[in-house]
């Protein structure tokens, strides 16, 4: 028979493993967003952090946010 993406993962992994992976992905996404928000907040609040090397880290945090926003929510 024909299976869509959602049902094929249940067939291959089982419901428990699929739910576990979904929860782990959600935790990872939340941790990424919170961590990047803290980097941005620290950069805005503490002007001594505005060095050339930290601008690179700020760029990475912004890029990470854009990746999360572009994540394909299916």
C-alpha atoms as a PDB file:
ATOM      1  CA  UNK A   1       0.000   0.000   0.000  1.00  0.00           C
ATOM      2  CA  UNK A   2       0.875   3.646  -0.266  1.00  0.00           C
ATOM      3  CA  UNK A   3       2.181   5.328   2.906  1.00  0.00           C
ATOM      4  CA  UNK A   4       2.648   9.006   3.571  1.00  0.00           C
ATOM      5  CA  UNK A   5       5.642  10.376   5.491  1.00  0.00           C
ATOM      6  CA  UNK A   6       3.853  10.355   8.850  1.00  0.00           C
ATOM      7  CA  UNK A   7       2.641   6.789   8.685  1.00  0.00           C
ATOM      8  CA  UNK A   8       5.889   5.405   7.298  1.00  0.00           C
ATOM      9  CA  UNK A   9       7.814   6.644  10.340  1.00  0.00           C
ATOM     10  CA  UNK A  10       5.345   4.880  12.614  1.00  0.00           C
ATOM     11  CA  UNK A  11       5.756   1.690  10.596  1.00  0.00           C
ATOM     12  CA  UNK A  12       9.567   1.828  10.678  1.00  0.00           C
ATOM     13  CA  UNK A  13      10.121   3.027  14.249  1.00  0.00           C
ATOM     14  CA  UNK A  14       6.940   2.416  16.204  1.00  0.00           C
ATOM     15  CA  UNK A  15       4.819   4.974  18.048  1.00  0.00           C
ATOM     16  CA  UNK A  16       6.978   5.150  21.184  1.00  0.00           C
ATOM     17  CA  UNK A  17      10.196   5.831  19.312  1.00  0.00           C
ATOM     18  CA  UNK A  18       8.491   8.394  17.057  1.00  0.00           C
ATOM     19  CA  UNK A  19       7.102  10.281  20.080  1.00  0.00           C
ATOM     20  CA  UNK A  20      10.498  10.144  21.796  1.00  0.00           C
ATOM     21  CA  UNK A  21      12.209  11.611  18.738  1.00  0.00           C
ATOM     22  CA  UNK A  22       9.551  14.331  18.456  1.00  0.00           C
ATOM     23  CA  UNK A  23      10.034  15.330  22.098  1.00  0.00           C
ATOM     24  CA  UNK A  24      13.821  15.380  21.723  1.00  0.00           C
ATOM     25  CA  UNK A  25      13.546  17.550  18.610  1.00  0.00           C
ATOM     26  CA  UNK A  26      11.216  19.958  20.432  1.00  0.00           C
ATOM     27  CA  UNK A  27      13.644  20.210  23.365  1.00  0.00           C
ATOM     28  CA  UNK A  28      16.514  20.853  20.962  1.00  0.00           C
ATOM     29  CA  UNK A  29      14.597  23.594  19.161  1.00  0.00           C
ATOM     30  CA  UNK A  30      13.649  25.308  22.430  1.00  0.00           C
ATOM     31  CA  UNK A  31      17.223  25.078  23.744  1.00  0.00           C
ATOM     32  CA  UNK A  32      18.541  26.552  20.491  1.00  0.00           C
ATOM     33  CA  UNK A  33      16.113  29.459  20.551  1.00  0.00           C
ATOM     34  CA  UNK A  34      16.737  30.221  24.240  1.00  0.00           C
ATOM     35  CA  UNK A  35      20.512  29.970  23.861  1.00  0.00           C
ATOM     36  CA  UNK A  36      20.567  32.263  20.848  1.00  0.00           C
ATOM     37  CA  UNK A  37      18.258  34.720  22.584  1.00  0.00           C
ATOM     38  CA  UNK A  38      20.670  34.843  25.513  1.00  0.00           C
ATOM     39  CA  UNK A  39      23.581  35.530  23.155  1.00  0.00           C
ATOM     40  CA  UNK A  40      21.653  38.370  21.519  1.00  0.00           C
ATOM     41  CA  UNK A  41      20.569  39.769  24.892  1.00  0.00           C
ATOM     42  CA  UNK A  42      24.103  39.698  26.266  1.00  0.00           C
ATOM     43  CA  UNK A  43      25.383  41.447  23.164  1.00  0.00           C
ATOM     44  CA  UNK A  44      22.766  44.194  23.429  1.00  0.00           C
ATOM     45  CA  UNK A  45      23.031  44.717  27.202  1.00  0.00           C
ATOM     46  CA  UNK A  46      26.805  44.601  27.710  1.00  0.00           C
ATOM     47  CA  UNK A  47      28.637  46.959  25.376  1.00  0.00           C
ATOM     48  CA  UNK A  48      32.025  45.504  26.379  1.00  0.00           C
ATOM     49  CA  UNK A  49      31.076  42.345  24.485  1.00  0.00           C
ATOM     50  CA  UNK A  50      31.019  44.228  21.181  1.00  0.00           C
ATOM     51  CA  UNK A  51      34.378  43.047  19.929  1.00  0.00           C
ATOM     52  CA  UNK A  52      35.266  41.796  16.472  1.00  0.00           C
ATOM     53  CA  UNK A  53      35.248  38.150  17.570  1.00  0.00           C
ATOM     54  CA  UNK A  54      31.891  38.522  19.307  1.00  0.00           C
ATOM     55  CA  UNK A  55      30.345  40.031  16.181  1.00  0.00           C
ATOM     56  CA  UNK A  56      31.132  36.685  14.551  1.00  0.00           C
ATOM     57  CA  UNK A  57      29.299  34.864  17.355  1.00  0.00           C
ATOM     58  CA  UNK A  58      26.391  37.276  17.006  1.00  0.00           C
ATOM     59  CA  UNK A  59      26.256  36.440  13.297  1.00  0.00           C
ATOM     60  CA  UNK A  60      26.119  32.733  14.145  1.00  0.00           C
ATOM     61  CA  UNK A  61      23.272  33.301  16.608  1.00  0.00           C
ATOM     62  CA  UNK A  62      21.298  35.306  14.049  1.00  0.00           C
ATOM     63  CA  UNK A  63      21.909  32.636  11.403  1.00  0.00           C
ATOM     64  CA  UNK A  64      20.703  29.984  13.825  1.00  0.00           C
ATOM     65  CA  UNK A  65      17.487  31.951  14.403  1.00  0.00           C
ATOM     66  CA  UNK A  66      16.923  32.184  10.668  1.00  0.00           C
ATOM     67  CA  UNK A  67      17.396  28.431  10.283  1.00  0.00           C
ATOM     68  CA  UNK A  68      14.804  27.778  12.997  1.00  0.00           C
ATOM     69  CA  UNK A  69      12.371  30.205  11.311  1.00  0.00           C
ATOM     70  CA  UNK A  70      12.901  28.470   7.963  1.00  0.00           C
ATOM     71  CA  UNK A  71      12.404  25.004   9.502  1.00  0.00           C
ATOM     72  CA  UNK A  72       9.826  23.078   7.526  1.00  0.00           C
ATOM     73  CA  UNK A  73       6.981  22.506   9.998  1.00  0.00           C
ATOM     74  CA  UNK A  74       5.141  19.497   8.575  1.00  0.00           C
END
